[in-house]
Each structure stands twice: as structure tokens, then as C-alpha cells.
């Protein structure tokens, strides 16, 4: 079985509402306001274009600050600093390590891959900084290929690049619509909620003991 991991909020921390509270204390007064602003920033087509690699960092900063009437210096600090905030989630990284060991010893894991919506600057930082990338057999960052989840094309690209059999591939993601998109292509899916839950689901597939 091939196991494909999303990165944000699965293997590395991603807390967009907390970022809003810390970056815009004058504009955001409550967790609900922070959640709303995070949605306006990160769910907008401008950010999706940044994820896709078709809008550069300076453009997404300027356009987002203007659109939401937010201070440009703070927006610049936010966007340029996100890569530093994508830190490993130790419990799930430990599970990835166990899968890597299982793969090396022929215990049911055929390959380990990542599939992540990630702008190029953050992708390069993660690759350089974290040793767990050495455990993967390959992967795809959206910013490198100009496709984003849940578009079928990015799943198909990973599948064809590494000759993955859909029925023998399971995708782990924290967003249900990304799991649904994978399942529509014949992949199996695990909706990530916690490392404990992921461990149990992987055990049901015979990938962890």
C-alpha cells in the first residue's frame, strides 16, 4: 500500500486563525473574528494562485492587504514568515517514521509520498529544514506544478509520476473535500483528525502494528 500525506495540519503545524490574532491585533478582537479573517485571506483566489505558483509573494501581499484594508507591513511580515511557522507535528512525524521503517523491512508499505498545496518559498524551506523529507519516496508541491487540490490533475500527476495503483494508494489529509477528490479517482482516504486516530486507521489497513 502506498501512503500519501498532506503536510499542513497533518505533518506540520498550520493554525491560520492564530496567525491572524498575532499579526493583526488591532483588527481582530476575538477567535471568531480571527477565523473569519483567516478565511478571507487563505480561501481567496489570490492565495490559491500563490499556492498554485502563478502569483508571486510580493503580489499576494499587496493584493491581500489592499483587498482587506490591512496594513501592508504586517501583511508582509505574515506572508514572508509563514514558512518559519510550519513546524513539525511530532506525533504524526513519529508515525511517518514508523511507516518508513515498515517500508524498509517490507511490512506492507510500498511507498511514502506527499501531496501538498504549498507555495514555492515555503516548500523549499521545508525541504531544506526537516529531515523527515528523506523518508519520502517522492511527492508534489502545488507551487511547482501549477495545480492545487482538490483538482483531479494534481492527484493524477502524482499517480502517473510514481506509477501508483489507485486502489493501493491511501491519502491522508485534514480536509474532507481533498479526501473526496482522491476517492473519486479510486484512491482510499483517511480524514486526519489526530495522530491517535491516524494510527488506528493505518492499523486497520495493516500498515502499522
C-alpha atoms as a PDB file:
ATOM      1  CA  UNK A   1       0.000   0.000   0.000  1.00  0.00           C
ATOM      2  CA  UNK A   2       1.236   3.485  -0.870  1.00  0.00           C
ATOM      3  CA  UNK A   3       0.621   6.185   1.754  1.00  0.00           C
ATOM      4  CA  UNK A   4       0.331   9.792   0.571  1.00  0.00           C
ATOM      5  CA  UNK A   5       0.449  12.579   3.162  1.00  0.00           C
ATOM      6  CA  UNK A   6      -0.815  16.112   3.086  1.00  0.00           C
ATOM      7  CA  UNK A   7       1.578  18.370   5.012  1.00  0.00           C
ATOM      8  CA  UNK A   8      -0.217  21.370   6.554  1.00  0.00           C
ATOM      9  CA  UNK A   9      -2.119  20.452   9.739  1.00  0.00           C
ATOM     10  CA  UNK A  10      -1.040  16.825   9.276  1.00  0.00           C
ATOM     11  CA  UNK A  11       2.771  16.754   9.453  1.00  0.00           C
ATOM     12  CA  UNK A  12       3.497  20.448  10.041  1.00  0.00           C
ATOM     13  CA  UNK A  13       1.532  22.932  12.103  1.00  0.00           C
ATOM     14  CA  UNK A  14      -0.997  25.168  10.371  1.00  0.00           C
ATOM     15  CA  UNK A  15      -3.044  27.485  12.610  1.00  0.00           C
ATOM     16  CA  UNK A  16      -4.408  30.286  10.410  1.00  0.00           C
ATOM     17  CA  UNK A  17      -6.727  31.855  12.991  1.00  0.00           C
ATOM     18  CA  UNK A  18      -3.875  32.090  15.484  1.00  0.00           C
ATOM     19  CA  UNK A  19      -1.771  33.812  12.828  1.00  0.00           C
ATOM     20  CA  UNK A  20      -4.483  36.453  12.434  1.00  0.00           C
ATOM     21  CA  UNK A  21      -4.680  37.092  16.174  1.00  0.00           C
ATOM     22  CA  UNK A  22      -0.923  37.532  16.407  1.00  0.00           C
ATOM     23  CA  UNK A  23      -0.450  39.616  13.260  1.00  0.00           C
ATOM     24  CA  UNK A  24      -3.470  41.920  13.323  1.00  0.00           C
ATOM     25  CA  UNK A  25      -4.296  42.631  16.981  1.00  0.00           C
ATOM     26  CA  UNK A  26      -5.909  45.967  16.113  1.00  0.00           C
ATOM     27  CA  UNK A  27      -8.255  44.444  13.534  1.00  0.00           C
ATOM     28  CA  UNK A  28      -9.027  41.108  15.218  1.00  0.00           C
ATOM     29  CA  UNK A  29     -10.654  41.118  18.645  1.00  0.00           C
ATOM     30  CA  UNK A  30     -11.915  37.564  19.083  1.00  0.00           C
ATOM     31  CA  UNK A  31     -11.293  33.984  17.908  1.00  0.00           C
ATOM     32  CA  UNK A  32     -14.382  34.186  15.691  1.00  0.00           C
ATOM     33  CA  UNK A  33     -13.113  37.342  14.010  1.00  0.00           C
ATOM     34  CA  UNK A  34      -9.721  35.697  13.573  1.00  0.00           C
ATOM     35  CA  UNK A  35     -11.293  32.673  11.943  1.00  0.00           C
ATOM     36  CA  UNK A  36     -13.305  34.880   9.602  1.00  0.00           C
ATOM     37  CA  UNK A  37     -10.262  36.915   8.588  1.00  0.00           C
ATOM     38  CA  UNK A  38      -8.205  33.780   8.058  1.00  0.00           C
ATOM     39  CA  UNK A  39     -10.886  32.534   5.680  1.00  0.00           C
ATOM     40  CA  UNK A  40     -10.813  35.829   3.798  1.00  0.00           C
ATOM     41  CA  UNK A  41      -7.033  35.617   3.430  1.00  0.00           C
ATOM     42  CA  UNK A  42      -6.366  31.940   2.787  1.00  0.00           C
ATOM     43  CA  UNK A  43      -9.538  30.864   0.955  1.00  0.00           C
ATOM     44  CA  UNK A  44      -9.446  33.641  -1.634  1.00  0.00           C
ATOM     45  CA  UNK A  45      -8.429  33.064  -5.284  1.00  0.00           C
ATOM     46  CA  UNK A  46      -5.342  35.242  -4.714  1.00  0.00           C
ATOM     47  CA  UNK A  47      -3.984  32.831  -2.119  1.00  0.00           C
ATOM     48  CA  UNK A  48      -4.955  29.869  -4.274  1.00  0.00           C
ATOM     49  CA  UNK A  49      -2.911  31.437  -7.083  1.00  0.00           C
ATOM     50  CA  UNK A  50       0.026  31.776  -4.669  1.00  0.00           C
ATOM     51  CA  UNK A  51      -0.398  28.089  -3.771  1.00  0.00           C
ATOM     52  CA  UNK A  52      -0.549  27.286  -7.481  1.00  0.00           C
ATOM     53  CA  UNK A  53       2.656  29.138  -8.257  1.00  0.00           C
ATOM     54  CA  UNK A  54       1.010  31.660 -10.581  1.00  0.00           C
ATOM     55  CA  UNK A  55       1.148  34.653  -8.188  1.00  0.00           C
ATOM     56  CA  UNK A  56       4.398  35.655  -6.512  1.00  0.00           C
ATOM     57  CA  UNK A  57       4.895  36.554  -2.874  1.00  0.00           C
ATOM     58  CA  UNK A  58       5.014  40.331  -3.319  1.00  0.00           C
ATOM     59  CA  UNK A  59       1.835  40.314  -5.396  1.00  0.00           C
ATOM     60  CA  UNK A  60      -0.157  38.235  -2.928  1.00  0.00           C
ATOM     61  CA  UNK A  61       0.970  40.508  -0.097  1.00  0.00           C
ATOM     62  CA  UNK A  62      -0.021  43.700  -1.900  1.00  0.00           C
ATOM     63  CA  UNK A  63      -3.317  42.410  -3.268  1.00  0.00           C
ATOM     64  CA  UNK A  64      -4.446  40.859   0.015  1.00  0.00           C
ATOM     65  CA  UNK A  65      -3.575  43.928   2.083  1.00  0.00           C
ATOM     66  CA  UNK A  66      -5.433  46.217  -0.331  1.00  0.00           C
ATOM     67  CA  UNK A  67      -8.472  43.955  -0.664  1.00  0.00           C
ATOM     68  CA  UNK A  68      -8.959  43.597   3.099  1.00  0.00           C
ATOM     69  CA  UNK A  69      -7.699  47.071   4.079  1.00  0.00           C
ATOM     70  CA  UNK A  70      -4.963  45.611   6.255  1.00  0.00           C
ATOM     71  CA  UNK A  71      -1.601  47.249   6.999  1.00  0.00           C
ATOM     72  CA  UNK A  72       0.908  46.325   4.312  1.00  0.00           C
ATOM     73  CA  UNK A  73       3.937  45.911   6.643  1.00  0.00           C
ATOM     74  CA  UNK A  74       2.050  43.463   8.867  1.00  0.00           C
ATOM     75  CA  UNK A  75       0.783  41.532   5.863  1.00  0.00           C
ATOM     76  CA  UNK A  76       4.322  41.304   4.525  1.00  0.00           C
ATOM     77  CA  UNK A  77       5.590  40.037   7.875  1.00  0.00           C
ATOM     78  CA  UNK A  78       2.803  37.465   7.984  1.00  0.00           C
ATOM     79  CA  UNK A  79       3.241  36.051   4.490  1.00  0.00           C
ATOM     80  CA  UNK A  80       7.031  36.052   4.496  1.00  0.00           C
ATOM     81  CA  UNK A  81       7.144  34.456   7.946  1.00  0.00           C
ATOM     82  CA  UNK A  82       4.691  31.596   7.437  1.00  0.00           C
ATOM     83  CA  UNK A  83       7.380  29.165   6.346  1.00  0.00           C
ATOM     84  CA  UNK A  84       9.111  29.576   9.709  1.00  0.00           C
ATOM     85  CA  UNK A  85       5.864  28.692  11.477  1.00  0.00           C
ATOM     86  CA  UNK A  86       5.355  25.391   9.666  1.00  0.00           C
ATOM     87  CA  UNK A  87       6.956  23.295  12.382  1.00  0.00           C
ATOM     88  CA  UNK A  88       6.770  19.502  12.702  1.00  0.00           C
ATOM     89  CA  UNK A  89       3.860  17.866  14.472  1.00  0.00           C
ATOM     90  CA  UNK A  90       5.875  15.366  16.464  1.00  0.00           C
ATOM     91  CA  UNK A  91       3.191  12.688  16.916  1.00  0.00           C
ATOM     92  CA  UNK A  92       2.417  12.363  13.214  1.00  0.00           C
ATOM     93  CA  UNK A  93       6.061  12.675  12.192  1.00  0.00           C
ATOM     94  CA  UNK A  94       6.700   9.735  14.528  1.00  0.00           C
ATOM     95  CA  UNK A  95       4.011   7.742  12.678  1.00  0.00           C
ATOM     96  CA  UNK A  96       5.676   8.649   9.377  1.00  0.00           C
ATOM     97  CA  UNK A  97       8.928   7.328  10.802  1.00  0.00           C
ATOM     98  CA  UNK A  98       7.270   4.046  11.727  1.00  0.00           C
ATOM     99  CA  UNK A  99       5.867   3.736   8.206  1.00  0.00           C
ATOM    100  CA  UNK A 100       9.332   4.432   6.810  1.00  0.00           C
ATOM    101  CA  UNK A 101      10.733   1.612   8.929  1.00  0.00           C
ATOM    102  CA  UNK A 102       7.914  -0.687   7.808  1.00  0.00           C
ATOM    103  CA  UNK A 103       8.666   0.168   4.192  1.00  0.00           C
ATOM    104  CA  UNK A 104      12.358  -0.674   4.653  1.00  0.00           C
ATOM    105  CA  UNK A 105      11.525  -4.025   6.204  1.00  0.00           C
ATOM    106  CA  UNK A 106       8.829  -4.983   3.686  1.00  0.00           C
ATOM    107  CA  UNK A 107       5.911  -4.786   6.115  1.00  0.00           C
ATOM    108  CA  UNK A 108       3.125  -3.732   3.799  1.00  0.00           C
ATOM    109  CA  UNK A 109       4.164  -0.166   2.938  1.00  0.00           C
ATOM    110  CA  UNK A 110       5.056   0.057  -0.744  1.00  0.00           C
ATOM    111  CA  UNK A 111       5.881   3.759  -0.846  1.00  0.00           C
ATOM    112  CA  UNK A 112       5.582   7.047   1.039  1.00  0.00           C
ATOM    113  CA  UNK A 113       4.701  10.288  -0.736  1.00  0.00           C
ATOM    114  CA  UNK A 114       3.462  13.811  -0.028  1.00  0.00           C
ATOM    115  CA  UNK A 115       0.855  15.876  -1.870  1.00  0.00           C
ATOM    116  CA  UNK A 116       0.583  19.420  -0.574  1.00  0.00           C
ATOM    117  CA  UNK A 117      -0.875  22.776  -1.525  1.00  0.00           C
ATOM    118  CA  UNK A 118       2.257  24.780  -0.779  1.00  0.00           C
ATOM    119  CA  UNK A 119       3.695  27.959  -2.292  1.00  0.00           C
ATOM    120  CA  UNK A 120       7.218  27.546  -3.630  1.00  0.00           C
ATOM    121  CA  UNK A 121       9.037  29.619  -0.952  1.00  0.00           C
ATOM    122  CA  UNK A 122       7.564  27.535   1.866  1.00  0.00           C
ATOM    123  CA  UNK A 123       8.145  24.270   0.002  1.00  0.00           C
ATOM    124  CA  UNK A 124      11.859  24.966  -0.432  1.00  0.00           C
ATOM    125  CA  UNK A 125      12.222  25.937   3.231  1.00  0.00           C
ATOM    126  CA  UNK A 126      10.522  22.752   4.425  1.00  0.00           C
ATOM    127  CA  UNK A 127      12.668  20.548   2.180  1.00  0.00           C
ATOM    128  CA  UNK A 128      15.853  22.142   3.476  1.00  0.00           C
ATOM    129  CA  UNK A 129      14.910  22.238   7.127  1.00  0.00           C
ATOM    130  CA  UNK A 130      13.273  18.926   8.017  1.00  0.00           C
ATOM    131  CA  UNK A 131      14.962  15.560   7.807  1.00  0.00           C
ATOM    132  CA  UNK A 132      11.697  13.648   7.581  1.00  0.00           C
ATOM    133  CA  UNK A 133      11.519  14.574   3.892  1.00  0.00           C
ATOM    134  CA  UNK A 134      14.252  11.969   3.399  1.00  0.00           C
ATOM    135  CA  UNK A 135      11.704   9.309   4.366  1.00  0.00           C
ATOM    136  CA  UNK A 136       9.523  10.048   1.352  1.00  0.00           C
ATOM    137  CA  UNK A 137       9.936   8.291  -1.980  1.00  0.00           C
ATOM    138  CA  UNK A 138       8.690  11.448  -3.696  1.00  0.00           C
ATOM    139  CA  UNK A 139       5.918  13.973  -3.739  1.00  0.00           C
ATOM    140  CA  UNK A 140       4.319  17.005  -5.319  1.00  0.00           C
ATOM    141  CA  UNK A 141       4.030  20.591  -4.130  1.00  0.00           C
ATOM    142  CA  UNK A 142       1.293  22.590  -5.821  1.00  0.00           C
ATOM    143  CA  UNK A 143       3.528  25.597  -6.418  1.00  0.00           C
ATOM    144  CA  UNK A 144       5.903  23.505  -8.507  1.00  0.00           C
ATOM    145  CA  UNK A 145       3.262  22.098 -10.863  1.00  0.00           C
ATOM    146  CA  UNK A 146       0.615  24.871 -11.151  1.00  0.00           C
ATOM    147  CA  UNK A 147      -2.185  22.623  -9.906  1.00  0.00           C
ATOM    148  CA  UNK A 148      -3.851  22.575  -6.476  1.00  0.00           C
ATOM    149  CA  UNK A 149      -6.023  20.189  -4.505  1.00  0.00           C
ATOM    150  CA  UNK A 150      -8.829  19.272  -4.894  1.00  0.00           C
ATOM    151  CA  UNK A 151      -8.307  19.459  -8.668  1.00  0.00           C
ATOM    152  CA  UNK A 152      -8.020  15.986 -10.151  1.00  0.00           C
ATOM    153  CA  UNK A 153      -4.925  16.982 -12.140  1.00  0.00           C
ATOM    154  CA  UNK A 154      -2.604  17.188  -9.131  1.00  0.00           C
ATOM    155  CA  UNK A 155      -3.599  13.734  -7.880  1.00  0.00           C
ATOM    156  CA  UNK A 156      -3.219  12.309 -11.377  1.00  0.00           C
ATOM    157  CA  UNK A 157       0.202  13.907 -11.711  1.00  0.00           C
ATOM    158  CA  UNK A 158       1.457  12.266  -8.511  1.00  0.00           C
ATOM    159  CA  UNK A 159      -0.128   8.979  -9.580  1.00  0.00           C
ATOM    160  CA  UNK A 160       1.495   8.974 -13.020  1.00  0.00           C
ATOM    161  CA  UNK A 161       4.873  10.311 -11.861  1.00  0.00           C
ATOM    162  CA  UNK A 162       5.335   7.470  -9.389  1.00  0.00           C
ATOM    163  CA  UNK A 163       3.213   4.782 -11.112  1.00  0.00           C
ATOM    164  CA  UNK A 164       0.817   4.448  -8.192  1.00  0.00           C
ATOM    165  CA  UNK A 165      -2.061   1.993  -8.406  1.00  0.00           C
ATOM    166  CA  UNK A 166      -5.134   3.930  -7.179  1.00  0.00           C
ATOM    167  CA  UNK A 167      -6.660   1.041  -5.247  1.00  0.00           C
ATOM    168  CA  UNK A 168      -3.321   0.504  -3.488  1.00  0.00           C
ATOM    169  CA  UNK A 169      -2.918   4.159  -2.500  1.00  0.00           C
ATOM    170  CA  UNK A 170      -4.303   5.823   0.621  1.00  0.00           C
ATOM    171  CA  UNK A 171      -4.359   9.594   1.043  1.00  0.00           C
ATOM    172  CA  UNK A 172      -4.175  11.306   4.452  1.00  0.00           C
ATOM    173  CA  UNK A 173      -5.498  14.889   4.579  1.00  0.00           C
ATOM    174  CA  UNK A 174      -7.167  17.113   7.172  1.00  0.00           C
ATOM    175  CA  UNK A 175      -9.727  18.478   4.674  1.00  0.00           C
ATOM    176  CA  UNK A 176     -12.616  16.223   3.715  1.00  0.00           C
ATOM    177  CA  UNK A 177     -13.061  17.677   0.227  1.00  0.00           C
ATOM    178  CA  UNK A 178      -9.447  16.777  -0.597  1.00  0.00           C
ATOM    179  CA  UNK A 179     -10.100  13.212   0.547  1.00  0.00           C
ATOM    180  CA  UNK A 180     -13.269  13.061  -1.567  1.00  0.00           C
ATOM    181  CA  UNK A 181     -11.341  14.173  -4.651  1.00  0.00           C
ATOM    182  CA  UNK A 182      -8.828  11.371  -4.117  1.00  0.00           C
ATOM    183  CA  UNK A 183     -11.580   8.810  -3.612  1.00  0.00           C
ATOM    184  CA  UNK A 184     -13.226   9.879  -6.864  1.00  0.00           C
ATOM    185  CA  UNK A 185     -10.025   8.744  -8.601  1.00  0.00           C
ATOM    186  CA  UNK A 186     -10.144   5.358  -6.898  1.00  0.00           C
ATOM    187  CA  UNK A 187      -7.761   6.107  -4.033  1.00  0.00           C
ATOM    188  CA  UNK A 188      -8.520   5.218  -0.447  1.00  0.00           C
ATOM    189  CA  UNK A 189      -8.717   8.069   2.037  1.00  0.00           C
ATOM    190  CA  UNK A 190      -8.166   8.848   5.697  1.00  0.00           C
ATOM    191  CA  UNK A 191      -9.545  12.109   7.064  1.00  0.00           C
ATOM    192  CA  UNK A 192      -6.903  13.237   9.555  1.00  0.00           C
ATOM    193  CA  UNK A 193      -8.119  14.457  12.929  1.00  0.00           C
ATOM    194  CA  UNK A 194      -5.360  13.362  15.299  1.00  0.00           C
ATOM    195  CA  UNK A 195      -2.246  11.222  15.365  1.00  0.00           C
ATOM    196  CA  UNK A 196      -4.046   8.688  17.586  1.00  0.00           C
ATOM    197  CA  UNK A 197      -6.913   8.385  15.108  1.00  0.00           C
ATOM    198  CA  UNK A 198      -4.500   8.137  12.161  1.00  0.00           C
ATOM    199  CA  UNK A 199      -2.554   5.374  13.884  1.00  0.00           C
ATOM    200  CA  UNK A 200      -5.761   3.415  14.419  1.00  0.00           C
ATOM    201  CA  UNK A 201      -6.854   3.848  10.789  1.00  0.00           C
ATOM    202  CA  UNK A 202      -3.437   2.818   9.461  1.00  0.00           C
ATOM    203  CA  UNK A 203      -3.515  -0.232  11.732  1.00  0.00           C
ATOM    204  CA  UNK A 204      -6.884  -1.249  10.232  1.00  0.00           C
ATOM    205  CA  UNK A 205      -5.169  -1.221   6.823  1.00  0.00           C
ATOM    206  CA  UNK A 206      -2.405  -3.445   8.174  1.00  0.00           C
ATOM    207  CA  UNK A 207       0.223  -0.722   7.799  1.00  0.00           C
ATOM    208  CA  UNK A 208       1.048  -0.331  11.481  1.00  0.00           C
ATOM    209  CA  UNK A 209       1.077  -2.849  14.281  1.00  0.00           C
END
